[in-house]
């Protein structure tokens, strides 16, 4: 094992140890944000929630009926509750 390989191995072990120590000290539960390419996929993932278009670059989400819903290349369809819990804010533009 070369010196560079040993350094990477040792830093990986140290990181794993730090994660294990941190995980045992507090119980933190976060809902993961699950982005989807198509609206129907997102609706199947969260059947009792609204589907929104999340613009990752701007950090906002658009509801169905808003002008920018489903528009742009820097976004995905997600569940509204997941977007809120991930600290994305709703857009007030284009409300009808």
PDB file of N, CA and C in Angstrom:
ATOM      1  N   UNK A   1       0.863  -1.169   0.000  1.00  0.00           N
ATOM      2  CA  UNK A   1       0.000   0.000   0.000  1.00  0.00           C
ATOM      3  C   UNK A   1       0.906   1.228   0.000  1.00  0.00           C
ATOM      4  N   UNK A   2       0.678   2.135  -0.955  1.00  0.00           N
ATOM      5  CA  UNK A   2       1.510   3.332  -1.039  1.00  0.00           C
ATOM      6  C   UNK A   2       1.056   4.353   0.008  1.00  0.00           C
ATOM      7  N   UNK A   3       1.847   5.360   0.183  1.00  0.00           N
ATOM      8  CA  UNK A   3       1.565   6.376   1.189  1.00  0.00           C
ATOM      9  C   UNK A   3       0.243   7.102   0.891  1.00  0.00           C
ATOM     10  N   UNK A   4      -0.019   7.407  -0.396  1.00  0.00           N
ATOM     11  CA  UNK A   4      -1.265   8.074  -0.780  1.00  0.00           C
ATOM     12  C   UNK A   4      -2.482   7.204  -0.528  1.00  0.00           C
ATOM     13  N   UNK A   5      -2.350   5.891  -0.814  1.00  0.00           N
ATOM     14  CA  UNK A   5      -3.454   4.968  -0.569  1.00  0.00           C
ATOM     15  C   UNK A   5      -3.753   4.865   0.916  1.00  0.00           C
ATOM     16  N   UNK A   6      -2.706   4.830   1.726  1.00  0.00           N
ATOM     17  CA  UNK A   6      -2.894   4.724   3.172  1.00  0.00           C
ATOM     18  C   UNK A   6      -3.595   5.971   3.709  1.00  0.00           C
ATOM     19  N   UNK A   7      -3.236   7.141   3.192  1.00  0.00           N
ATOM     20  CA  UNK A   7      -3.865   8.389   3.637  1.00  0.00           C
ATOM     21  C   UNK A   7      -5.350   8.419   3.323  1.00  0.00           C
ATOM     22  N   UNK A   8      -5.705   7.973   2.118  1.00  0.00           N
ATOM     23  CA  UNK A   8      -7.119   7.935   1.747  1.00  0.00           C
ATOM     24  C   UNK A   8      -7.873   6.909   2.599  1.00  0.00           C
ATOM     25  N   UNK A   9      -7.253   5.789   2.845  1.00  0.00           N
ATOM     26  CA  UNK A   9      -7.877   4.750   3.656  1.00  0.00           C
ATOM     27  C   UNK A   9      -8.096   5.253   5.082  1.00  0.00           C
ATOM     28  N   UNK A  10      -7.083   5.883   5.649  1.00  0.00           N
ATOM     29  CA  UNK A  10      -7.174   6.376   7.020  1.00  0.00           C
ATOM     30  C   UNK A  10      -8.230   7.483   7.136  1.00  0.00           C
ATOM     31  N   UNK A  11      -8.305   8.375   6.156  1.00  0.00           N
ATOM     32  CA  UNK A  11      -9.305   9.446   6.227  1.00  0.00           C
ATOM     33  C   UNK A  11     -10.712   8.877   6.071  1.00  0.00           C
ATOM     34  N   UNK A  12     -10.866   7.824   5.274  1.00  0.00           N
ATOM     35  CA  UNK A  12     -12.170   7.175   5.138  1.00  0.00           C
ATOM     36  C   UNK A  12     -12.616   6.521   6.428  1.00  0.00           C
ATOM     37  N   UNK A  13     -11.694   5.875   7.126  1.00  0.00           N
ATOM     38  CA  UNK A  13     -12.005   5.252   8.417  1.00  0.00           C
ATOM     39  C   UNK A  13     -12.373   6.319   9.438  1.00  0.00           C
ATOM     40  N   UNK A  14     -11.639   7.432   9.445  1.00  0.00           N
ATOM     41  CA  UNK A  14     -11.925   8.513  10.391  1.00  0.00           C
ATOM     42  C   UNK A  14     -13.301   9.116  10.118  1.00  0.00           C
ATOM     43  N   UNK A  15     -13.637   9.304   8.862  1.00  0.00           N
ATOM     44  CA  UNK A  15     -14.944   9.849   8.505  1.00  0.00           C
ATOM     45  C   UNK A  15     -16.066   8.900   8.918  1.00  0.00           C
ATOM     46  N   UNK A  16     -15.892   7.624   8.667  1.00  0.00           N
ATOM     47  CA  UNK A  16     -16.897   6.637   9.054  1.00  0.00           C
ATOM     48  C   UNK A  16     -17.092   6.627  10.566  1.00  0.00           C
ATOM     49  N   UNK A  17     -16.018   6.739  11.309  1.00  0.00           N
ATOM     50  CA  UNK A  17     -16.107   6.780  12.768  1.00  0.00           C
ATOM     51  C   UNK A  17     -16.845   8.020  13.248  1.00  0.00           C
ATOM     52  N   UNK A  18     -16.553   9.150  12.639  1.00  0.00           N
ATOM     53  CA  UNK A  18     -17.220  10.384  13.036  1.00  0.00           C
ATOM     54  C   UNK A  18     -18.717  10.318  12.750  1.00  0.00           C
ATOM     55  N   UNK A  19     -19.083   9.701  11.643  1.00  0.00           N
ATOM     56  CA  UNK A  19     -20.499   9.562  11.308  1.00  0.00           C
ATOM     57  C   UNK A  19     -21.194   8.661  12.319  1.00  0.00           C
ATOM     58  N   UNK A  20     -20.549   7.568  12.690  1.00  0.00           N
ATOM     59  CA  UNK A  20     -21.150   6.637  13.642  1.00  0.00           C
ATOM     60  C   UNK A  20     -21.301   7.282  15.014  1.00  0.00           C
ATOM     61  N   UNK A  21     -20.328   8.056  15.443  1.00  0.00           N
ATOM     62  CA  UNK A  21     -20.414   8.722  16.742  1.00  0.00           C
ATOM     63  C   UNK A  21     -21.523   9.762  16.714  1.00  0.00           C
ATOM     64  N   UNK A  22     -21.616  10.540  15.624  1.00  0.00           N
ATOM     65  CA  UNK A  22     -22.643  11.563  15.509  1.00  0.00           C
ATOM     66  C   UNK A  22     -24.035  10.971  15.410  1.00  0.00           C
ATOM     67  N   UNK A  23     -24.167   9.830  14.788  1.00  0.00           N
ATOM     68  CA  UNK A  23     -25.478   9.216  14.595  1.00  0.00           C
ATOM     69  C   UNK A  23     -26.066   8.714  15.900  1.00  0.00           C
ATOM     70  N   UNK A  24     -25.240   8.293  16.813  1.00  0.00           N
ATOM     71  CA  UNK A  24     -25.733   7.752  18.067  1.00  0.00           C
ATOM     72  C   UNK A  24     -26.122   8.814  19.072  1.00  0.00           C
ATOM     73  N   UNK A  25     -25.677  10.044  18.910  1.00  0.00           N
ATOM     74  CA  UNK A  25     -25.898  11.058  19.924  1.00  0.00           C
ATOM     75  C   UNK A  25     -27.253  11.747  19.809  1.00  0.00           C
ATOM     76  N   UNK A  26     -27.829  11.821  18.635  1.00  0.00           N
ATOM     77  CA  UNK A  26     -29.106  12.514  18.471  1.00  0.00           C
ATOM     78  C   UNK A  26     -29.933  11.812  17.404  1.00  0.00           C
ATOM     79  N   UNK A  27     -31.239  11.814  17.631  1.00  0.00           N
ATOM     80  CA  UNK A  27     -32.130  11.213  16.650  1.00  0.00           C
ATOM     81  C   UNK A  27     -32.687  12.319  15.765  1.00  0.00           C
ATOM     82  N   UNK A  28     -32.235  12.355  14.533  1.00  0.00           N
ATOM     83  CA  UNK A  28     -32.696  13.347  13.581  1.00  0.00           C
ATOM     84  C   UNK A  28     -33.352  12.599  12.429  1.00  0.00           C
ATOM     85  N   UNK A  29     -34.564  13.004  12.118  1.00  0.00           N
ATOM     86  CA  UNK A  29     -35.283  12.357  11.043  1.00  0.00           C
ATOM     87  C   UNK A  29     -35.634  13.404   9.988  1.00  0.00           C
ATOM     88  N   UNK A  30     -35.210  13.157   8.778  1.00  0.00           N
ATOM     89  CA  UNK A  30     -35.507  14.081   7.687  1.00  0.00           C
ATOM     90  C   UNK A  30     -36.144  13.313   6.539  1.00  0.00           C
ATOM     91  N   UNK A  31     -37.127  13.919   5.938  1.00  0.00           N
ATOM     92  CA  UNK A  31     -37.767  13.314   4.778  1.00  0.00           C
ATOM     93  C   UNK A  31     -36.903  13.612   3.555  1.00  0.00           C
ATOM     94  N   UNK A  32     -36.473  12.593   2.849  1.00  0.00           N
ATOM     95  CA  UNK A  32     -35.648  12.853   1.672  1.00  0.00           C
ATOM     96  C   UNK A  32     -36.475  13.465   0.545  1.00  0.00           C
ATOM     97  N   UNK A  33     -35.840  14.319  -0.210  1.00  0.00           N
ATOM     98  CA  UNK A  33     -36.477  14.931  -1.361  1.00  0.00           C
ATOM     99  C   UNK A  33     -36.311  13.986  -2.539  1.00  0.00           C
ATOM    100  N   UNK A  34     -37.414  13.530  -3.115  1.00  0.00           N
ATOM    101  CA  UNK A  34     -37.375  12.580  -4.215  1.00  0.00           C
ATOM    102  C   UNK A  34     -37.857  13.260  -5.489  1.00  0.00           C
ATOM    103  N   UNK A  35     -36.925  13.667  -6.359  1.00  0.00           N
ATOM    104  CA  UNK A  35     -37.336  14.329  -7.602  1.00  0.00           C
ATOM    105  C   UNK A  35     -37.737  13.328  -8.682  1.00  0.00           C
ATOM    106  N   UNK A  36     -38.724  13.715  -9.496  1.00  0.00           N
ATOM    107  CA  UNK A  36     -39.204  12.873 -10.586  1.00  0.00           C
ATOM    108  C   UNK A  36     -39.212  13.660 -11.885  1.00  0.00           C
ATOM    109  N   UNK A  37     -39.036  12.963 -12.973  1.00  0.00           N
ATOM    110  CA  UNK A  37     -39.041  13.599 -14.287  1.00  0.00           C
ATOM    111  C   UNK A  37     -40.456  13.897 -14.774  1.00  0.00           C
ATOM    112  N   UNK A  38     -41.398  13.045 -14.397  1.00  0.00           N
ATOM    113  CA  UNK A  38     -42.772  13.180 -14.857  1.00  0.00           C
ATOM    114  C   UNK A  38     -43.718  13.378 -13.679  1.00  0.00           C
ATOM    115  N   UNK A  39     -44.760  14.148 -13.922  1.00  0.00           N
ATOM    116  CA  UNK A  39     -45.744  14.460 -12.883  1.00  0.00           C
ATOM    117  C   UNK A  39     -46.436  13.200 -12.356  1.00  0.00           C
ATOM    118  N   UNK A  40     -46.764  12.277 -13.251  1.00  0.00           N
ATOM    119  CA  UNK A  40     -47.459  11.050 -12.842  1.00  0.00           C
ATOM    120  C   UNK A  40     -46.605  10.205 -11.896  1.00  0.00           C
ATOM    121  N   UNK A  41     -45.304  10.184 -12.111  1.00  0.00           N
ATOM    122  CA  UNK A  41     -44.416   9.437 -11.214  1.00  0.00           C
ATOM    123  C   UNK A  41     -44.459  10.030  -9.806  1.00  0.00           C
ATOM    124  N   UNK A  42     -44.414  11.347  -9.721  1.00  0.00           N
ATOM    125  CA  UNK A  42     -44.456  12.010  -8.427  1.00  0.00           C
ATOM    126  C   UNK A  42     -45.798  11.768  -7.736  1.00  0.00           C
ATOM    127  N   UNK A  43     -46.884  11.786  -8.500  1.00  0.00           N
ATOM    128  CA  UNK A  43     -48.194  11.566  -7.908  1.00  0.00           C
ATOM    129  C   UNK A  43     -48.338  10.152  -7.369  1.00  0.00           C
ATOM    130  N   UNK A  44     -47.740   9.174  -8.038  1.00  0.00           N
ATOM    131  CA  UNK A  44     -47.752   7.798  -7.511  1.00  0.00           C
ATOM    132  C   UNK A  44     -46.933   7.691  -6.232  1.00  0.00           C
ATOM    133  N   UNK A  45     -45.860   8.476  -6.138  1.00  0.00           N
ATOM    134  CA  UNK A  45     -45.000   8.453  -4.950  1.00  0.00           C
ATOM    135  C   UNK A  45     -45.715   9.038  -3.735  1.00  0.00           C
ATOM    136  N   UNK A  46     -46.523  10.070  -3.951  1.00  0.00           N
ATOM    137  CA  UNK A  46     -47.244  10.714  -2.840  1.00  0.00           C
ATOM    138  C   UNK A  46     -48.713  10.909  -3.238  1.00  0.00           C
ATOM    139  N   UNK A  47     -49.512   9.853  -3.169  1.00  0.00           N
ATOM    140  CA  UNK A  47     -50.893   9.931  -3.650  1.00  0.00           C
ATOM    141  C   UNK A  47     -51.791  10.873  -2.853  1.00  0.00           C
ATOM    142  N   UNK A  48     -51.441  11.173  -1.599  1.00  0.00           N
ATOM    143  CA  UNK A  48     -52.287  12.027  -0.765  1.00  0.00           C
ATOM    144  C   UNK A  48     -51.708  13.429  -0.599  1.00  0.00           C
ATOM    145  N   UNK A  49     -50.809  13.810  -1.476  1.00  0.00           N
ATOM    146  CA  UNK A  49     -50.154  15.116  -1.417  1.00  0.00           C
ATOM    147  C   UNK A  49     -50.221  15.756  -2.799  1.00  0.00           C
ATOM    148  N   UNK A  50     -50.017  17.068  -2.861  1.00  0.00           N
ATOM    149  CA  UNK A  50     -49.982  17.763  -4.145  1.00  0.00           C
ATOM    150  C   UNK A  50     -48.596  17.657  -4.752  1.00  0.00           C
ATOM    151  N   UNK A  51     -48.552  17.610  -6.066  1.00  0.00           N
ATOM    152  CA  UNK A  51     -47.284  17.580  -6.795  1.00  0.00           C
ATOM    153  C   UNK A  51     -46.963  19.005  -7.212  1.00  0.00           C
ATOM    154  N   UNK A  52     -45.705  19.404  -7.015  1.00  0.00           N
ATOM    155  CA  UNK A  52     -45.261  20.743  -7.388  1.00  0.00           C
ATOM    156  C   UNK A  52     -44.033  20.628  -8.283  1.00  0.00           C
ATOM    157  N   UNK A  53     -43.744  21.711  -9.013  1.00  0.00           N
ATOM    158  CA  UNK A  53     -42.540  21.789  -9.838  1.00  0.00           C
ATOM    159  C   UNK A  53     -41.500  22.549  -9.039  1.00  0.00           C
ATOM    160  N   UNK A  54     -40.387  21.897  -8.757  1.00  0.00           N
ATOM    161  CA  UNK A  54     -39.332  22.486  -7.939  1.00  0.00           C
ATOM    162  C   UNK A  54     -38.228  23.018  -8.833  1.00  0.00           C
ATOM    163  N   UNK A  55     -37.957  24.300  -8.737  1.00  0.00           N
ATOM    164  CA  UNK A  55     -36.861  24.937  -9.470  1.00  0.00           C
ATOM    165  C   UNK A  55     -35.657  24.954  -8.537  1.00  0.00           C
ATOM    166  N   UNK A  56     -34.705  24.052  -8.774  1.00  0.00           N
ATOM    167  CA  UNK A  56     -33.550  23.898  -7.893  1.00  0.00           C
ATOM    168  C   UNK A  56     -32.688  25.153  -7.851  1.00  0.00           C
ATOM    169  N   UNK A  57     -32.520  25.810  -8.991  1.00  0.00           N
ATOM    170  CA  UNK A  57     -31.640  26.974  -9.063  1.00  0.00           C
ATOM    171  C   UNK A  57     -32.194  28.143  -8.264  1.00  0.00           C
ATOM    172  N   UNK A  58     -33.496  28.378  -8.349  1.00  0.00           N
ATOM    173  CA  UNK A  58     -34.108  29.496  -7.645  1.00  0.00           C
ATOM    174  C   UNK A  58     -34.512  29.157  -6.219  1.00  0.00           C
ATOM    175  N   UNK A  59     -34.648  27.878  -5.914  1.00  0.00           N
ATOM    176  CA  UNK A  59     -35.028  27.468  -4.561  1.00  0.00           C
ATOM    177  C   UNK A  59     -36.505  27.680  -4.265  1.00  0.00           C
ATOM    178  N   UNK A  60     -37.342  27.623  -5.291  1.00  0.00           N
ATOM    179  CA  UNK A  60     -38.778  27.802  -5.114  1.00  0.00           C
ATOM    180  C   UNK A  60     -39.528  26.675  -5.816  1.00  0.00           C
ATOM    181  N   UNK A  61     -40.797  26.504  -5.431  1.00  0.00           N
ATOM    182  CA  UNK A  61     -41.633  25.539  -6.134  1.00  0.00           C
ATOM    183  C   UNK A  61     -42.897  26.226  -6.628  1.00  0.00           C
ATOM    184  N   UNK A  62     -43.440  25.674  -7.713  1.00  0.00           N
ATOM    185  CA  UNK A  62     -44.641  26.202  -8.361  1.00  0.00           C
ATOM    186  C   UNK A  62     -45.735  25.153  -8.289  1.00  0.00           C
ATOM    187  N   UNK A  63     -46.939  25.588  -7.983  1.00  0.00           N
ATOM    188  CA  UNK A  63     -48.081  24.689  -7.946  1.00  0.00           C
ATOM    189  C   UNK A  63     -48.740  24.628  -9.312  1.00  0.00           C
ATOM    190  N   UNK A  64     -49.514  23.585  -9.520  1.00  0.00           N
ATOM    191  CA  UNK A  64     -50.227  23.421 -10.784  1.00  0.00           C
ATOM    192  C   UNK A  64     -51.136  24.624 -10.996  1.00  0.00           C
ATOM    193  N   UNK A  65     -51.098  25.168 -12.202  1.00  0.00           N
ATOM    194  CA  UNK A  65     -51.880  26.351 -12.515  1.00  0.00           C
ATOM    195  C   UNK A  65     -51.034  27.609 -12.583  1.00  0.00           C
ATOM    196  N   UNK A  66     -49.831  27.545 -12.000  1.00  0.00           N
ATOM    197  CA  UNK A  66     -48.933  28.679 -12.108  1.00  0.00           C
ATOM    198  C   UNK A  66     -48.205  28.624 -13.444  1.00  0.00           C
ATOM    199  N   UNK A  67     -47.828  29.784 -13.931  1.00  0.00           N
ATOM    200  CA  UNK A  67     -47.252  29.892 -15.274  1.00  0.00           C
ATOM    201  C   UNK A  67     -45.987  29.047 -15.451  1.00  0.00           C
ATOM    202  N   UNK A  68     -45.154  28.972 -14.457  1.00  0.00           N
ATOM    203  CA  UNK A  68     -43.866  28.277 -14.589  1.00  0.00           C
ATOM    204  C   UNK A  68     -43.901  26.812 -14.128  1.00  0.00           C
ATOM    205  N   UNK A  69     -45.077  26.298 -13.877  1.00  0.00           N
ATOM    206  CA  UNK A  69     -45.212  24.889 -13.469  1.00  0.00           C
ATOM    207  C   UNK A  69     -44.749  23.984 -14.611  1.00  0.00           C
ATOM    208  N   UNK A  70     -43.775  23.156 -14.351  1.00  0.00           N
ATOM    209  CA  UNK A  70     -43.262  22.216 -15.346  1.00  0.00           C
ATOM    210  C   UNK A  70     -42.335  22.845 -16.369  1.00  0.00           C
ATOM    211  N   UNK A  71     -41.900  24.075 -16.142  1.00  0.00           N
ATOM    212  CA  UNK A  71     -41.056  24.785 -17.096  1.00  0.00           C
ATOM    213  C   UNK A  71     -39.605  24.827 -16.613  1.00  0.00           C
ATOM    214  N   UNK A  72     -38.682  24.787 -17.536  1.00  0.00           N
ATOM    215  CA  UNK A  72     -37.266  24.959 -17.209  1.00  0.00           C
ATOM    216  C   UNK A  72     -36.503  23.652 -17.179  1.00  0.00           C
ATOM    217  N   UNK A  73     -35.193  23.808 -17.193  1.00  0.00           N
ATOM    218  CA  UNK A  73     -34.309  22.641 -17.210  1.00  0.00           C
ATOM    219  C   UNK A  73     -33.728  22.328 -15.842  1.00  0.00           C
ATOM    220  N   UNK A  74     -33.853  23.244 -14.897  1.00  0.00           N
ATOM    221  CA  UNK A  74     -33.252  23.075 -13.573  1.00  0.00           C
ATOM    222  C   UNK A  74     -34.284  22.678 -12.531  1.00  0.00           C
ATOM    223  N   UNK A  75     -35.215  21.808 -12.892  1.00  0.00           N
ATOM    224  CA  UNK A  75     -36.258  21.453 -11.950  1.00  0.00           C
ATOM    225  C   UNK A  75     -36.742  20.031 -12.102  1.00  0.00           C
ATOM    226  N   UNK A  76     -37.636  19.660 -11.190  1.00  0.00           N
ATOM    227  CA  UNK A  76     -38.243  18.330 -11.188  1.00  0.00           C
ATOM    228  C   UNK A  76     -39.589  18.403 -10.484  1.00  0.00           C
ATOM    229  N   UNK A  77     -40.390  17.385 -10.702  1.00  0.00           N
ATOM    230  CA  UNK A  77     -41.637  17.244  -9.980  1.00  0.00           C
ATOM    231  C   UNK A  77     -41.343  16.572  -8.642  1.00  0.00           C
ATOM    232  N   UNK A  78     -41.905  17.116  -7.569  1.00  0.00           N
ATOM    233  CA  UNK A  78     -41.721  16.569  -6.226  1.00  0.00           C
ATOM    234  C   UNK A  78     -43.028  16.703  -5.463  1.00  0.00           C
ATOM    235  N   UNK A  79     -43.104  16.066  -4.317  1.00  0.00           N
ATOM    236  CA  UNK A  79     -44.253  16.203  -3.433  1.00  0.00           C
ATOM    237  C   UNK A  79     -44.139  17.514  -2.670  1.00  0.00           C
ATOM    238  N   UNK A  80     -45.249  18.203  -2.486  1.00  0.00           N
ATOM    239  CA  UNK A  80     -45.223  19.511  -1.845  1.00  0.00           C
ATOM    240  C   UNK A  80     -44.683  19.445  -0.420  1.00  0.00           C
ATOM    241  N   UNK A  81     -45.085  18.451   0.356  1.00  0.00           N
ATOM    242  CA  UNK A  81     -44.597  18.342   1.733  1.00  0.00           C
ATOM    243  C   UNK A  81     -43.084  18.109   1.783  1.00  0.00           C
ATOM    244  N   UNK A  82     -42.558  17.324   0.858  1.00  0.00           N
ATOM    245  CA  UNK A  82     -41.110  17.097   0.812  1.00  0.00           C
ATOM    246  C   UNK A  82     -40.384  18.395   0.472  1.00  0.00           C
ATOM    247  N   UNK A  83     -40.941  19.180  -0.433  1.00  0.00           N
ATOM    248  CA  UNK A  83     -40.318  20.461  -0.795  1.00  0.00           C
ATOM    249  C   UNK A  83     -40.308  21.403   0.403  1.00  0.00           C
ATOM    250  N   UNK A  84     -41.415  21.468   1.126  1.00  0.00           N
ATOM    251  CA  UNK A  84     -41.491  22.331   2.315  1.00  0.00           C
ATOM    252  C   UNK A  84     -40.499  21.894   3.386  1.00  0.00           C
ATOM    253  N   UNK A  85     -40.433  20.589   3.639  1.00  0.00           N
ATOM    254  CA  UNK A  85     -39.537  20.076   4.674  1.00  0.00           C
ATOM    255  C   UNK A  85     -38.072  20.224   4.291  1.00  0.00           C
ATOM    256  N   UNK A  86     -37.795  20.380   3.001  1.00  0.00           N
ATOM    257  CA  UNK A  86     -36.426  20.608   2.538  1.00  0.00           C
ATOM    258  C   UNK A  86     -36.121  22.099   2.415  1.00  0.00           C
ATOM    259  N   UNK A  87     -36.993  22.926   2.989  1.00  0.00           N
ATOM    260  CA  UNK A  87     -36.804  24.381   3.081  1.00  0.00           C
ATOM    261  C   UNK A  87     -36.857  25.105   1.744  1.00  0.00           C
ATOM    262  N   UNK A  88     -37.594  24.558   0.780  1.00  0.00           N
ATOM    263  CA  UNK A  88     -37.879  25.303  -0.443  1.00  0.00           C
ATOM    264  C   UNK A  88     -39.121  26.134  -0.171  1.00  0.00           C
ATOM    265  N   UNK A  89     -39.225  27.301  -0.785  1.00  0.00           N
ATOM    266  CA  UNK A  89     -40.364  28.176  -0.548  1.00  0.00           C
ATOM    267  C   UNK A  89     -41.274  28.191  -1.772  1.00  0.00           C
ATOM    268  N   UNK A  90     -42.523  28.537  -1.560  1.00  0.00           N
ATOM    269  CA  UNK A  90     -43.458  28.585  -2.682  1.00  0.00           C
ATOM    270  C   UNK A  90     -43.303  29.893  -3.428  1.00  0.00           C
ATOM    271  N   UNK A  91     -43.569  29.844  -4.702  1.00  0.00           N
ATOM    272  CA  UNK A  91     -43.493  31.037  -5.530  1.00  0.00           C
ATOM    273  C   UNK A  91     -44.848  31.714  -5.538  1.00  0.00           C
ATOM    274  N   UNK A  92     -44.832  33.024  -5.463  1.00  0.00           N
ATOM    275  CA  UNK A  92     -46.069  33.791  -5.525  1.00  0.00           C
ATOM    276  C   UNK A  92     -46.352  34.291  -6.926  1.00  0.00           C
ATOM    277  N   UNK A  93     -45.435  34.043  -7.869  1.00  0.00           N
ATOM    278  CA  UNK A  93     -45.610  34.483  -9.243  1.00  0.00           C
ATOM    279  C   UNK A  93     -46.610  33.607  -9.972  1.00  0.00           C
ATOM    280  N   UNK A  94     -47.486  34.230 -10.712  1.00  0.00           N
ATOM    281  CA  UNK A  94     -48.395  33.490 -11.565  1.00  0.00           C
ATOM    282  C   UNK A  94     -49.551  32.833 -10.860  1.00  0.00           C
ATOM    283  N   UNK A  95     -49.896  33.283  -9.658  1.00  0.00           N
ATOM    284  CA  UNK A  95     -51.045  32.706  -8.963  1.00  0.00           C
ATOM    285  C   UNK A  95     -52.326  33.119  -9.662  1.00  0.00           C
ATOM    286  N   UNK A  96     -53.253  32.180  -9.777  1.00  0.00           N
ATOM    287  CA  UNK A  96     -54.529  32.465 -10.442  1.00  0.00           C
ATOM    288  C   UNK A  96     -55.659  32.328  -9.464  1.00  0.00           C
TER     289      UNK A  96
END
